Amino acid sequence: MAQIRALDTVARRDYGRQRRRWHESILLRTPQVVRANEQLDDLLEANEDAVTRVRAAAAIDAPPSLGKSTTVDAYGLRYHREQIDQLGEYVDDNDDILRIPVCRITLTGDVTIKGLHQQLFEFYAHPARRATTGRVLARDLATMAGDAVRRHETRLIIIDDVHFLRPGTEKGEQVANELKWLANEYPATFLFAGVALKQRGLFSEGRNGEFAALAQTGRRWTLLQLHAFDPLTAIGAPVWRDTLLGIEQRLMLARMRPGTLVDTLSDYLYIRSTGVIGSLMQLIRLGAIRAIRTGKETLDTDLLEQVSIDEAAEIARGATAILVNKARRVARS
């Protein structure tokens, strides 16, 4: 605190800005994420030798705010760096063709086959991407996009927000079939991410059971699920504690004492976030911003009570508090 007080106004503001950016970039490898990464590592290694068979794909399925996009982005970044370190930045000896190990796109609310390939074109900055806005057959688009995948030796294709597919509609079936075709044709592993994919029918049959447009998905996609924390169970308690400890060790607040999150605020943070990592990190980040701005430089219930987070967490707060209080009474008895 003495060092912070010694800073002039401009330097203090700059230091606060740096800490805010630091807190925004906190990324934890929770046990759920570690398990998902291990499964993906296995799948990618197996698919490297899948020359004569269909490559299996993976799908991360999770409710909102449980970190599915963060998980696939972090994995994609790690895989990209590993491939570059191992194989080099360029595909050819003349350093003309960049190696792009990972491609990532996000589906939109009204996805079409042409729109899918258009996004691939945009990702690679394909020279023909502007020309494809006219009358170009979807299959020709797929062929050209496939050329980009092969040219840059892409080995992982991440497609986020795949829940926008509507398997109960004709268009949804067409796009789902296209994705299966791409998984067969492209020399890459597909990693999908979305919300409630199983409930939306993406692992079952499509609009017409006779044709079973999506039935093969359940055989070809490995389902990886992320779950909320549950510190009220014997298995979940140490996981929650380790997560809070990991966050606490990364907080840059001058008056933050060791054990504050784990020993003092554990139940409170669970009640406020309901065990959802997105809600938890939003509460922590906003609390840290307020602690820095006000000069309090620590987190406690008084400060965090002044912070509002997502409405879903706020609505569930009362019910979660009842569960926590009941569990603590049972434990004491």
C-alpha atoms as a PDB file:
ATOM      1  CA  MET A   1       0.000   0.000   0.000  1.00  0.00           C
ATOM      2  CA  ALA A   2       2.871   2.354   0.735  1.00  0.00           C
ATOM      3  CA  GLN A   3       4.242   1.790  -2.765  1.00  0.00           C
ATOM      4  CA  ILE A   4       0.837   2.444  -4.335  1.00  0.00           C
ATOM      5  CA  ARG A   5       0.398   5.665  -2.322  1.00  0.00           C
ATOM      6  CA  ALA A   6       3.822   6.821  -3.482  1.00  0.00           C
ATOM      7  CA  LEU A   7       2.683   6.747  -7.122  1.00  0.00           C
ATOM      8  CA  ASP A   8       1.468   9.960  -8.706  1.00  0.00           C
ATOM      9  CA  THR A   9      -2.036  10.131 -10.164  1.00  0.00           C
ATOM     10  CA  VAL A  10      -1.027   9.134 -13.694  1.00  0.00           C
ATOM     11  CA  ALA A  11       1.161   6.223 -12.563  1.00  0.00           C
ATOM     12  CA  ARG A  12      -1.496   4.977 -10.131  1.00  0.00           C
ATOM     13  CA  ARG A  13      -4.114   5.032 -12.862  1.00  0.00           C
ATOM     14  CA  ASP A  14      -1.775   3.180 -15.241  1.00  0.00           C
ATOM     15  CA  TYR A  15      -1.017   0.540 -12.603  1.00  0.00           C
ATOM     16  CA  GLY A  16      -4.732   0.059 -12.016  1.00  0.00           C
ATOM     17  CA  ARG A  17      -5.244  -0.383 -15.766  1.00  0.00           C
ATOM     18  CA  GLN A  18      -2.488  -2.999 -15.936  1.00  0.00           C
ATOM     19  CA  ARG A  19      -3.990  -4.927 -13.040  1.00  0.00           C
ATOM     20  CA  ARG A  20      -7.428  -4.790 -14.592  1.00  0.00           C
ATOM     21  CA  ARG A  21      -6.059  -6.342 -17.792  1.00  0.00           C
ATOM     22  CA  TRP A  22      -4.215  -8.965 -15.736  1.00  0.00           C
ATOM     23  CA  HIS A  23      -7.388  -9.986 -13.884  1.00  0.00           C
ATOM     24  CA  GLU A  24      -9.296 -10.123 -17.161  1.00  0.00           C
ATOM     25  CA  SER A  25      -6.788 -12.645 -18.535  1.00  0.00           C
ATOM     26  CA  ILE A  26      -6.934 -15.093 -15.614  1.00  0.00           C
ATOM     27  CA  LEU A  27      -7.429 -18.561 -17.091  1.00  0.00           C
ATOM     28  CA  LEU A  28      -7.691 -21.616 -14.849  1.00  0.00           C
ATOM     29  CA  ARG A  29      -7.132 -25.236 -15.807  1.00  0.00           C
ATOM     30  CA  THR A  30      -9.941 -26.706 -13.742  1.00  0.00           C
ATOM     31  CA  PRO A  31     -10.274 -30.512 -13.446  1.00  0.00           C
ATOM     32  CA  GLN A  32     -13.149 -30.380 -15.948  1.00  0.00           C
ATOM     33  CA  VAL A  33     -10.914 -28.596 -18.459  1.00  0.00           C
ATOM     34  CA  VAL A  34      -7.979 -30.939 -17.802  1.00  0.00           C
ATOM     35  CA  ARG A  35     -10.168 -33.989 -18.504  1.00  0.00           C
ATOM     36  CA  ALA A  36     -11.500 -32.421 -21.708  1.00  0.00           C
ATOM     37  CA  ASN A  37      -7.972 -31.580 -22.886  1.00  0.00           C
ATOM     38  CA  GLU A  38      -6.765 -35.123 -22.270  1.00  0.00           C
ATOM     39  CA  GLN A  39      -9.658 -36.545 -24.294  1.00  0.00           C
ATOM     40  CA  LEU A  40      -8.920 -34.121 -27.127  1.00  0.00           C
ATOM     41  CA  ASP A  41      -5.224 -35.001 -27.097  1.00  0.00           C
ATOM     42  CA  ASP A  42      -6.132 -38.685 -27.457  1.00  0.00           C
ATOM     43  CA  LEU A  43      -8.525 -37.959 -30.312  1.00  0.00           C
ATOM     44  CA  LEU A  44      -6.128 -35.782 -32.288  1.00  0.00           C
ATOM     45  CA  GLU A  45      -3.309 -38.299 -31.970  1.00  0.00           C
ATOM     46  CA  ALA A  46      -5.583 -41.125 -33.087  1.00  0.00           C
ATOM     47  CA  ASN A  47      -6.820 -39.101 -36.063  1.00  0.00           C
ATOM     48  CA  GLU A  48      -3.279 -38.387 -37.289  1.00  0.00           C
ATOM     49  CA  ASP A  49      -3.147 -41.937 -38.672  1.00  0.00           C
ATOM     50  CA  ALA A  50      -6.797 -42.107 -39.789  1.00  0.00           C
ATOM     51  CA  VAL A  51      -6.078 -42.235 -43.507  1.00  0.00           C
ATOM     52  CA  THR A  52      -8.557 -44.910 -44.551  1.00  0.00           C
ATOM     53  CA  ARG A  53     -11.279 -44.378 -41.950  1.00  0.00           C
ATOM     54  CA  VAL A  54     -13.597 -41.573 -40.920  1.00  0.00           C
ATOM     55  CA  ARG A  55     -12.017 -39.249 -38.386  1.00  0.00           C
ATOM     56  CA  ALA A  56     -13.885 -39.013 -35.121  1.00  0.00           C
ATOM     57  CA  ALA A  57     -14.974 -35.564 -33.951  1.00  0.00           C
ATOM     58  CA  ALA A  58     -15.535 -34.105 -30.476  1.00  0.00           C
ATOM     59  CA  ALA A  59     -18.231 -31.853 -29.065  1.00  0.00           C
ATOM     60  CA  ILE A  60     -18.049 -29.870 -25.846  1.00  0.00           C
ATOM     61  CA  ASP A  61     -21.556 -29.513 -24.473  1.00  0.00           C
ATOM     62  CA  ALA A  62     -22.263 -27.211 -21.531  1.00  0.00           C
ATOM     63  CA  PRO A  63     -24.861 -24.772 -20.209  1.00  0.00           C
ATOM     64  CA  PRO A  64     -24.074 -21.063 -20.674  1.00  0.00           C
ATOM     65  CA  SER A  65     -21.175 -19.518 -18.706  1.00  0.00           C
ATOM     66  CA  LEU A  66     -19.447 -22.819 -17.925  1.00  0.00           C
ATOM     67  CA  GLY A  67     -16.484 -21.962 -20.112  1.00  0.00           C
ATOM     68  CA  LYS A  68     -17.015 -23.988 -23.283  1.00  0.00           C
ATOM     69  CA  SER A  69     -15.749 -21.248 -25.634  1.00  0.00           C
ATOM     70  CA  THR A  70     -12.854 -20.443 -23.319  1.00  0.00           C
ATOM     71  CA  THR A  71     -11.971 -24.134 -23.167  1.00  0.00           C
ATOM     72  CA  VAL A  72     -11.900 -24.682 -26.927  1.00  0.00           C
ATOM     73  CA  ASP A  73     -10.072 -21.397 -27.563  1.00  0.00           C
ATOM     74  CA  ALA A  74      -7.387 -22.204 -24.979  1.00  0.00           C
ATOM     75  CA  TYR A  75      -6.983 -25.715 -26.353  1.00  0.00           C
ATOM     76  CA  GLY A  76      -6.777 -24.403 -29.906  1.00  0.00           C
ATOM     77  CA  LEU A  77      -4.107 -21.884 -28.914  1.00  0.00           C
ATOM     78  CA  ARG A  78      -2.065 -24.531 -27.134  1.00  0.00           C
ATOM     79  CA  TYR A  79      -2.328 -26.953 -30.073  1.00  0.00           C
ATOM     80  CA  HIS A  80      -1.393 -24.192 -32.528  1.00  0.00           C
ATOM     81  CA  ARG A  81       1.763 -23.368 -30.590  1.00  0.00           C
ATOM     82  CA  GLU A  82       2.748 -27.029 -30.233  1.00  0.00           C
ATOM     83  CA  GLN A  83       2.399 -27.615 -33.979  1.00  0.00           C
ATOM     84  CA  ILE A  84       4.414 -24.511 -34.854  1.00  0.00           C
ATOM     85  CA  ASP A  85       7.162 -25.437 -32.380  1.00  0.00           C
ATOM     86  CA  GLN A  86       7.310 -28.984 -33.714  1.00  0.00           C
ATOM     87  CA  LEU A  87       6.870 -28.454 -37.460  1.00  0.00           C
ATOM     88  CA  GLY A  88       7.822 -24.844 -38.083  1.00  0.00           C
ATOM     89  CA  GLU A  89       6.000 -21.667 -39.041  1.00  0.00           C
ATOM     90  CA  TYR A  90       5.887 -22.462 -42.757  1.00  0.00           C
ATOM     91  CA  VAL A  91       4.698 -25.511 -44.665  1.00  0.00           C
ATOM     92  CA  ASP A  92       7.197 -25.210 -47.535  1.00  0.00           C
ATOM     93  CA  ASP A  93      10.958 -24.759 -47.700  1.00  0.00           C
ATOM     94  CA  ASN A  94      10.623 -21.365 -49.410  1.00  0.00           C
ATOM     95  CA  ASP A  95       8.659 -19.884 -46.490  1.00  0.00           C
ATOM     96  CA  ASP A  96       5.770 -18.934 -48.793  1.00  0.00           C
ATOM     97  CA  ILE A  97       2.911 -20.858 -47.187  1.00  0.00           C
ATOM     98  CA  LEU A  98       2.070 -20.247 -43.557  1.00  0.00           C
ATOM     99  CA  ARG A  99       1.272 -23.209 -41.380  1.00  0.00           C
ATOM    100  CA  ILE A 100      -2.176 -22.665 -39.809  1.00  0.00           C
ATOM    101  CA  PRO A 101      -2.714 -25.660 -37.515  1.00  0.00           C
ATOM    102  CA  VAL A 102      -6.068 -24.468 -36.162  1.00  0.00           C
ATOM    103  CA  CYS A 103      -9.100 -22.928 -37.843  1.00  0.00           C
ATOM    104  CA  ARG A 104     -11.872 -21.461 -35.691  1.00  0.00           C
ATOM    105  CA  ILE A 105     -15.278 -20.199 -36.781  1.00  0.00           C
ATOM    106  CA  THR A 106     -18.564 -19.437 -35.037  1.00  0.00           C
ATOM    107  CA  LEU A 107     -21.958 -20.400 -36.401  1.00  0.00           C
ATOM    108  CA  THR A 108     -24.638 -17.742 -36.686  1.00  0.00           C
ATOM    109  CA  GLY A 109     -28.317 -17.843 -35.809  1.00  0.00           C
ATOM    110  CA  ASP A 110     -29.384 -18.688 -39.378  1.00  0.00           C
ATOM    111  CA  VAL A 111     -26.516 -20.807 -40.594  1.00  0.00           C
ATOM    112  CA  THR A 112     -26.509 -22.145 -44.158  1.00  0.00           C
ATOM    113  CA  ILE A 113     -24.091 -24.395 -46.014  1.00  0.00           C
ATOM    114  CA  LYS A 114     -22.846 -21.472 -48.069  1.00  0.00           C
ATOM    115  CA  GLY A 115     -22.479 -19.329 -44.963  1.00  0.00           C
ATOM    116  CA  LEU A 116     -20.457 -22.080 -43.305  1.00  0.00           C
ATOM    117  CA  HIS A 117     -17.916 -22.172 -46.106  1.00  0.00           C
ATOM    118  CA  GLN A 118     -17.906 -18.390 -46.387  1.00  0.00           C
ATOM    119  CA  GLN A 119     -16.718 -18.212 -42.781  1.00  0.00           C
ATOM    120  CA  LEU A 120     -13.915 -20.654 -43.571  1.00  0.00           C
ATOM    121  CA  PHE A 121     -12.890 -18.404 -46.455  1.00  0.00           C
ATOM    122  CA  GLU A 122     -12.861 -15.364 -44.185  1.00  0.00           C
ATOM    123  CA  PHE A 123     -10.731 -17.150 -41.592  1.00  0.00           C
ATOM    124  CA  TYR A 124      -8.046 -17.993 -44.144  1.00  0.00           C
ATOM    125  CA  ALA A 125      -8.421 -14.629 -45.911  1.00  0.00           C
ATOM    126  CA  HIS A 126      -8.900 -16.681 -49.088  1.00  0.00           C
ATOM    127  CA  PRO A 127      -8.312 -14.571 -52.233  1.00  0.00           C
ATOM    128  CA  ALA A 128     -11.625 -15.749 -53.698  1.00  0.00           C
ATOM    129  CA  ARG A 129     -13.710 -14.909 -50.620  1.00  0.00           C
ATOM    130  CA  ARG A 130     -15.158 -11.728 -52.114  1.00  0.00           C
ATOM    131  CA  ALA A 131     -16.052 -13.420 -55.374  1.00  0.00           C
ATOM    132  CA  THR A 132     -17.986 -16.146 -53.559  1.00  0.00           C
ATOM    133  CA  THR A 133     -20.695 -13.694 -52.504  1.00  0.00           C
ATOM    134  CA  GLY A 134     -22.261 -14.217 -55.920  1.00  0.00           C
ATOM    135  CA  ARG A 135     -23.683 -17.351 -57.492  1.00  0.00           C
ATOM    136  CA  VAL A 136     -21.209 -20.037 -56.520  1.00  0.00           C
ATOM    137  CA  LEU A 137     -22.301 -23.592 -55.823  1.00  0.00           C
ATOM    138  CA  ALA A 138     -21.977 -24.710 -52.207  1.00  0.00           C
ATOM    139  CA  ARG A 139     -19.983 -27.775 -53.299  1.00  0.00           C
ATOM    140  CA  ASP A 140     -17.491 -25.568 -55.135  1.00  0.00           C
ATOM    141  CA  LEU A 141     -17.157 -23.478 -51.999  1.00  0.00           C
ATOM    142  CA  ALA A 142     -16.499 -26.631 -49.982  1.00  0.00           C
ATOM    143  CA  THR A 143     -13.818 -27.714 -52.430  1.00  0.00           C
ATOM    144  CA  MET A 144     -12.047 -24.363 -52.299  1.00  0.00           C
ATOM    145  CA  ALA A 145     -12.282 -24.227 -48.508  1.00  0.00           C
ATOM    146  CA  GLY A 146     -10.857 -27.741 -48.383  1.00  0.00           C
ATOM    147  CA  ASP A 147      -7.950 -26.582 -50.530  1.00  0.00           C
ATOM    148  CA  ALA A 148      -7.167 -23.923 -47.902  1.00  0.00           C
ATOM    149  CA  VAL A 149      -7.304 -26.515 -45.116  1.00  0.00           C
ATOM    150  CA  ARG A 150      -4.849 -28.754 -46.973  1.00  0.00           C
ATOM    151  CA  ARG A 151      -2.610 -25.944 -48.218  1.00  0.00           C
ATOM    152  CA  HIS A 152      -1.991 -24.590 -44.722  1.00  0.00           C
ATOM    153  CA  GLU A 153      -1.942 -28.071 -43.106  1.00  0.00           C
ATOM    154  CA  THR A 154      -4.760 -27.327 -40.697  1.00  0.00           C
ATOM    155  CA  ARG A 155      -5.243 -30.222 -38.294  1.00  0.00           C
ATOM    156  CA  LEU A 156      -7.944 -28.885 -35.970  1.00  0.00           C
ATOM    157  CA  ILE A 157     -11.155 -27.102 -36.979  1.00  0.00           C
ATOM    158  CA  ILE A 158     -13.123 -25.539 -34.116  1.00  0.00           C
ATOM    159  CA  ILE A 159     -16.761 -24.656 -34.702  1.00  0.00           C
ATOM    160  CA  ASP A 160     -18.364 -22.763 -31.830  1.00  0.00           C
ATOM    161  CA  ASP A 161     -22.050 -22.110 -31.118  1.00  0.00           C
ATOM    162  CA  VAL A 162     -23.070 -25.244 -33.000  1.00  0.00           C
ATOM    163  CA  HIS A 163     -26.348 -25.140 -31.032  1.00  0.00           C
ATOM    164  CA  PHE A 164     -27.578 -22.735 -33.704  1.00  0.00           C
ATOM    165  CA  LEU A 165     -28.082 -25.783 -35.913  1.00  0.00           C
ATOM    166  CA  ARG A 166     -31.752 -26.773 -35.912  1.00  0.00           C
ATOM    167  CA  PRO A 167     -31.881 -30.538 -36.505  1.00  0.00           C
ATOM    168  CA  GLY A 168     -35.671 -30.445 -36.671  1.00  0.00           C
ATOM    169  CA  THR A 169     -35.605 -28.354 -39.846  1.00  0.00           C
ATOM    170  CA  GLU A 170     -34.608 -29.103 -43.408  1.00  0.00           C
ATOM    171  CA  LYS A 171     -31.873 -26.458 -43.374  1.00  0.00           C
ATOM    172  CA  GLY A 172     -30.504 -27.775 -40.088  1.00  0.00           C
ATOM    173  CA  GLU A 173     -30.303 -31.302 -41.485  1.00  0.00           C
ATOM    174  CA  GLN A 174     -28.498 -30.042 -44.565  1.00  0.00           C
ATOM    175  CA  VAL A 175     -25.831 -28.211 -42.564  1.00  0.00           C
ATOM    176  CA  ALA A 176     -25.413 -31.163 -40.193  1.00  0.00           C
ATOM    177  CA  ASN A 177     -24.926 -33.494 -43.161  1.00  0.00           C
ATOM    178  CA  GLU A 178     -22.427 -31.025 -44.607  1.00  0.00           C
ATOM    179  CA  LEU A 179     -20.419 -31.077 -41.398  1.00  0.00           C
ATOM    180  CA  LYS A 180     -20.317 -34.884 -41.516  1.00  0.00           C
ATOM    181  CA  TRP A 181     -19.145 -34.707 -45.134  1.00  0.00           C
ATOM    182  CA  LEU A 182     -16.418 -32.213 -44.233  1.00  0.00           C
ATOM    183  CA  ALA A 183     -15.205 -34.462 -41.417  1.00  0.00           C
ATOM    184  CA  ASN A 184     -14.793 -37.207 -44.022  1.00  0.00           C
ATOM    185  CA  GLU A 185     -13.102 -35.021 -46.651  1.00  0.00           C
ATOM    186  CA  TYR A 186     -10.843 -32.689 -44.676  1.00  0.00           C
ATOM    187  CA  PRO A 187      -7.603 -34.026 -43.126  1.00  0.00           C
ATOM    188  CA  ALA A 188      -8.499 -32.407 -39.819  1.00  0.00           C
ATOM    189  CA  THR A 189     -10.247 -33.168 -36.551  1.00  0.00           C
ATOM    190  CA  PHE A 190     -13.442 -31.240 -35.897  1.00  0.00           C
ATOM    191  CA  LEU A 191     -14.143 -29.841 -32.439  1.00  0.00           C
ATOM    192  CA  PHE A 192     -17.637 -28.493 -31.855  1.00  0.00           C
ATOM    193  CA  ALA A 193     -18.878 -26.461 -28.908  1.00  0.00           C
ATOM    194  CA  GLY A 194     -22.407 -25.489 -27.967  1.00  0.00           C
ATOM    195  CA  VAL A 195     -25.187 -25.315 -25.407  1.00  0.00           C
ATOM    196  CA  ALA A 196     -27.475 -28.265 -24.683  1.00  0.00           C
ATOM    197  CA  LEU A 197     -26.461 -30.132 -27.836  1.00  0.00           C
ATOM    198  CA  LYS A 198     -27.851 -33.428 -26.610  1.00  0.00           C
ATOM    199  CA  GLN A 199     -31.219 -31.921 -25.717  1.00  0.00           C
ATOM    200  CA  ARG A 200     -31.398 -30.194 -29.094  1.00  0.00           C
ATOM    201  CA  GLY A 201     -31.206 -33.529 -30.889  1.00  0.00           C
ATOM    202  CA  LEU A 202     -27.725 -33.183 -32.348  1.00  0.00           C
ATOM    203  CA  PHE A 203     -26.825 -36.676 -31.154  1.00  0.00           C
ATOM    204  CA  SER A 204     -30.045 -38.296 -32.317  1.00  0.00           C
ATOM    205  CA  GLU A 205     -32.128 -38.467 -35.445  1.00  0.00           C
ATOM    206  CA  GLY A 206     -33.106 -35.460 -37.449  1.00  0.00           C
ATOM    207  CA  ARG A 207     -36.420 -34.197 -38.721  1.00  0.00           C
ATOM    208  CA  ASN A 208     -37.422 -37.494 -40.286  1.00  0.00           C
ATOM    209  CA  GLY A 209     -36.670 -40.758 -38.508  1.00  0.00           C
ATOM    210  CA  GLU A 210     -36.852 -42.635 -41.796  1.00  0.00           C
ATOM    211  CA  PHE A 211     -33.748 -40.876 -43.094  1.00  0.00           C
ATOM    212  CA  ALA A 212     -32.039 -40.421 -39.694  1.00  0.00           C
ATOM    213  CA  ALA A 213     -30.074 -37.405 -40.928  1.00  0.00           C
ATOM    214  CA  LEU A 214     -28.272 -36.917 -37.636  1.00  0.00           C
ATOM    215  CA  ALA A 215     -28.227 -40.462 -36.328  1.00  0.00           C
ATOM    216  CA  GLN A 216     -24.566 -41.009 -37.269  1.00  0.00           C
ATOM    217  CA  THR A 217     -23.510 -38.031 -35.178  1.00  0.00           C
ATOM    218  CA  GLY A 218     -23.901 -39.982 -31.967  1.00  0.00           C
ATOM    219  CA  ARG A 219     -21.441 -42.569 -33.320  1.00  0.00           C
ATOM    220  CA  ARG A 220     -18.902 -40.113 -34.692  1.00  0.00           C
ATOM    221  CA  TRP A 221     -18.859 -37.345 -32.072  1.00  0.00           C
ATOM    222  CA  THR A 222     -17.226 -37.834 -28.684  1.00  0.00           C
ATOM    223  CA  LEU A 223     -19.312 -35.888 -26.182  1.00  0.00           C
ATOM    224  CA  LEU A 224     -17.334 -33.910 -23.584  1.00  0.00           C
ATOM    225  CA  GLN A 225     -19.387 -32.144 -20.931  1.00  0.00           C
ATOM    226  CA  LEU A 226     -18.484 -29.335 -18.542  1.00  0.00           C
ATOM    227  CA  HIS A 227     -20.307 -29.184 -15.227  1.00  0.00           C
ATOM    228  CA  ALA A 228     -20.772 -26.572 -12.529  1.00  0.00           C
ATOM    229  CA  PHE A 229     -18.786 -26.845  -9.308  1.00  0.00           C
ATOM    230  CA  ASP A 230     -20.456 -28.544  -6.342  1.00  0.00           C
ATOM    231  CA  PRO A 231     -18.551 -27.879  -3.096  1.00  0.00           C
ATOM    232  CA  LEU A 232     -21.336 -29.511  -1.065  1.00  0.00           C
ATOM    233  CA  THR A 233     -20.120 -33.002  -1.999  1.00  0.00           C
ATOM    234  CA  ALA A 234     -17.034 -34.835  -0.794  1.00  0.00           C
ATOM    235  CA  ILE A 235     -15.645 -34.989  -4.337  1.00  0.00           C
ATOM    236  CA  GLY A 236     -16.556 -31.438  -5.282  1.00  0.00           C
ATOM    237  CA  ALA A 237     -15.314 -29.664  -2.151  1.00  0.00           C
ATOM    238  CA  PRO A 238     -11.544 -30.001  -2.791  1.00  0.00           C
ATOM    239  CA  VAL A 239     -12.036 -29.075  -6.457  1.00  0.00           C
ATOM    240  CA  TRP A 240     -13.844 -25.881  -5.444  1.00  0.00           C
ATOM    241  CA  ARG A 241     -11.168 -25.111  -2.857  1.00  0.00           C
ATOM    242  CA  ASP A 242      -8.344 -25.596  -5.367  1.00  0.00           C
ATOM    243  CA  THR A 243     -10.148 -23.377  -7.878  1.00  0.00           C
ATOM    244  CA  LEU A 244     -10.550 -20.553  -5.364  1.00  0.00           C
ATOM    245  CA  LEU A 245      -6.922 -20.953  -4.316  1.00  0.00           C
ATOM    246  CA  GLY A 246      -5.828 -20.709  -7.937  1.00  0.00           C
ATOM    247  CA  ILE A 247      -7.830 -17.499  -8.391  1.00  0.00           C
ATOM    248  CA  GLU A 248      -6.565 -16.024  -5.130  1.00  0.00           C
ATOM    249  CA  GLN A 249      -2.933 -16.631  -6.066  1.00  0.00           C
ATOM    250  CA  ARG A 250      -3.440 -14.614  -9.247  1.00  0.00           C
ATOM    251  CA  LEU A 251      -5.189 -11.611  -7.694  1.00  0.00           C
ATOM    252  CA  MET A 252      -3.051  -8.457  -7.612  1.00  0.00           C
ATOM    253  CA  LEU A 253      -4.581  -6.613  -4.663  1.00  0.00           C
ATOM    254  CA  ALA A 254      -2.305  -5.019  -2.071  1.00  0.00           C
ATOM    255  CA  ARG A 255      -4.378  -5.898   1.010  1.00  0.00           C
ATOM    256  CA  MET A 256      -5.438  -9.386  -0.096  1.00  0.00           C
ATOM    257  CA  ARG A 257      -4.479 -11.840   2.640  1.00  0.00           C
ATOM    258  CA  PRO A 258      -3.754 -15.523   1.874  1.00  0.00           C
ATOM    259  CA  GLY A 259      -6.814 -17.681   2.498  1.00  0.00           C
ATOM    260  CA  THR A 260      -9.375 -14.917   1.984  1.00  0.00           C
ATOM    261  CA  LEU A 261     -11.258 -16.666  -0.813  1.00  0.00           C
ATOM    262  CA  VAL A 262     -10.749 -20.210   0.470  1.00  0.00           C
ATOM    263  CA  ASP A 263     -11.288 -19.781   4.203  1.00  0.00           C
ATOM    264  CA  THR A 264     -13.512 -16.695   4.453  1.00  0.00           C
ATOM    265  CA  LEU A 265     -15.502 -16.299   1.238  1.00  0.00           C
ATOM    266  CA  SER A 266     -15.886 -19.890  -0.012  1.00  0.00           C
ATOM    267  CA  ASP A 267     -19.586 -20.359   0.768  1.00  0.00           C
ATOM    268  CA  TYR A 268     -20.436 -16.790  -0.164  1.00  0.00           C
ATOM    269  CA  LEU A 269     -18.787 -17.112  -3.590  1.00  0.00           C
ATOM    270  CA  TYR A 270     -20.611 -20.373  -4.248  1.00  0.00           C
ATOM    271  CA  ILE A 271     -23.951 -18.817  -3.287  1.00  0.00           C
ATOM    272  CA  ARG A 272     -23.346 -15.818  -5.539  1.00  0.00           C
ATOM    273  CA  SER A 273     -22.081 -17.832  -8.536  1.00  0.00           C
ATOM    274  CA  THR A 274     -24.029 -21.105  -8.009  1.00  0.00           C
ATOM    275  CA  GLY A 275     -20.805 -22.871  -8.943  1.00  0.00           C
ATOM    276  CA  VAL A 276     -20.739 -21.539 -12.513  1.00  0.00           C
ATOM    277  CA  ILE A 277     -17.219 -20.501 -13.502  1.00  0.00           C
ATOM    278  CA  GLY A 278     -18.390 -17.649 -15.730  1.00  0.00           C
ATOM    279  CA  SER A 279     -20.455 -16.073 -12.948  1.00  0.00           C
ATOM    280  CA  LEU A 280     -17.663 -16.636 -10.427  1.00  0.00           C
ATOM    281  CA  MET A 281     -15.018 -14.941 -12.559  1.00  0.00           C
ATOM    282  CA  GLN A 282     -17.358 -12.065 -13.368  1.00  0.00           C
ATOM    283  CA  LEU A 283     -17.915 -11.477  -9.654  1.00  0.00           C
ATOM    284  CA  ILE A 284     -14.176 -11.684  -8.912  1.00  0.00           C
ATOM    285  CA  ARG A 285     -13.166  -9.364 -11.759  1.00  0.00           C
ATOM    286  CA  LEU A 286     -15.799  -6.739 -11.008  1.00  0.00           C
ATOM    287  CA  GLY A 287     -14.954  -6.951  -7.321  1.00  0.00           C
ATOM    288  CA  ALA A 288     -11.259  -6.463  -8.063  1.00  0.00           C
ATOM    289  CA  ILE A 289     -12.021  -3.424 -10.230  1.00  0.00           C
ATOM    290  CA  ARG A 290     -14.013  -1.856  -7.414  1.00  0.00           C
ATOM    291  CA  ALA A 291     -11.351  -2.750  -4.838  1.00  0.00           C
ATOM    292  CA  ILE A 292      -8.680  -1.020  -6.935  1.00  0.00           C
ATOM    293  CA  ARG A 293     -10.795   2.028  -7.747  1.00  0.00           C
ATOM    294  CA  THR A 294     -11.882   2.590  -4.146  1.00  0.00           C
ATOM    295  CA  GLY A 295      -8.470   1.871  -2.645  1.00  0.00           C
ATOM    296  CA  LYS A 296      -9.803  -0.992  -0.536  1.00  0.00           C
ATOM    297  CA  GLU A 297      -7.388  -3.391  -2.264  1.00  0.00           C
ATOM    298  CA  THR A 298      -9.080  -6.566  -1.007  1.00  0.00           C
ATOM    299  CA  LEU A 299     -12.275  -8.559  -1.457  1.00  0.00           C
ATOM    300  CA  ASP A 300     -14.873  -9.093   1.269  1.00  0.00           C
ATOM    301  CA  THR A 301     -18.623  -9.564   1.486  1.00  0.00           C
ATOM    302  CA  ASP A 302     -19.299  -5.852   2.002  1.00  0.00           C
ATOM    303  CA  LEU A 303     -17.554  -4.963  -1.253  1.00  0.00           C
ATOM    304  CA  LEU A 304     -18.903  -7.903  -3.257  1.00  0.00           C
ATOM    305  CA  GLU A 305     -22.456  -7.145  -2.154  1.00  0.00           C
ATOM    306  CA  GLN A 306     -22.151  -3.896  -4.103  1.00  0.00           C
ATOM    307  CA  VAL A 307     -21.352  -5.824  -7.300  1.00  0.00           C
ATOM    308  CA  SER A 308     -24.143  -7.095  -9.564  1.00  0.00           C
ATOM    309  CA  ILE A 309     -23.506 -10.006 -11.913  1.00  0.00           C
ATOM    310  CA  ASP A 310     -25.564 -12.009 -14.416  1.00  0.00           C
ATOM    311  CA  GLU A 311     -29.288 -12.288 -13.747  1.00  0.00           C
ATOM    312  CA  ALA A 312     -29.317 -16.099 -13.774  1.00  0.00           C
ATOM    313  CA  ALA A 313     -26.893 -16.207 -10.856  1.00  0.00           C
ATOM    314  CA  GLU A 314     -28.797 -13.512  -8.976  1.00  0.00           C
ATOM    315  CA  ILE A 315     -32.108 -15.360  -9.391  1.00  0.00           C
ATOM    316  CA  ALA A 316     -30.631 -18.654  -8.158  1.00  0.00           C
ATOM    317  CA  ARG A 317     -28.838 -17.042  -5.231  1.00  0.00           C
ATOM    318  CA  GLY A 318     -31.600 -17.565  -2.673  1.00  0.00           C
ATOM    319  CA  ALA A 319     -32.138 -21.222  -3.476  1.00  0.00           C
ATOM    320  CA  THR A 320     -28.391 -21.878  -3.413  1.00  0.00           C
ATOM    321  CA  ALA A 321     -28.079 -20.198  -0.011  1.00  0.00           C
ATOM    322  CA  ILE A 322     -30.743 -22.533   1.388  1.00  0.00           C
ATOM    323  CA  LEU A 323     -28.840 -25.577   0.105  1.00  0.00           C
ATOM    324  CA  VAL A 324     -25.547 -24.341   1.552  1.00  0.00           C
ATOM    325  CA  ASN A 325     -27.038 -23.525   4.961  1.00  0.00           C
ATOM    326  CA  LYS A 326     -28.751 -26.913   5.099  1.00  0.00           C
ATOM    327  CA  ALA A 327     -25.535 -28.724   4.207  1.00  0.00           C
ATOM    328  CA  ARG A 328     -23.568 -26.847   6.846  1.00  0.00           C
ATOM    329  CA  ARG A 329     -26.159 -27.630   9.533  1.00  0.00           C
ATOM    330  CA  VAL A 330     -26.038 -31.315   8.652  1.00  0.00           C
ATOM    331  CA  ALA A 331     -22.240 -31.259   8.754  1.00  0.00           C
ATOM    332  CA  ARG A 332     -22.216 -29.635  12.209  1.00  0.00           C
ATOM    333  CA  SER A 333     -24.716 -32.137  13.576  1.00  0.00           C
END
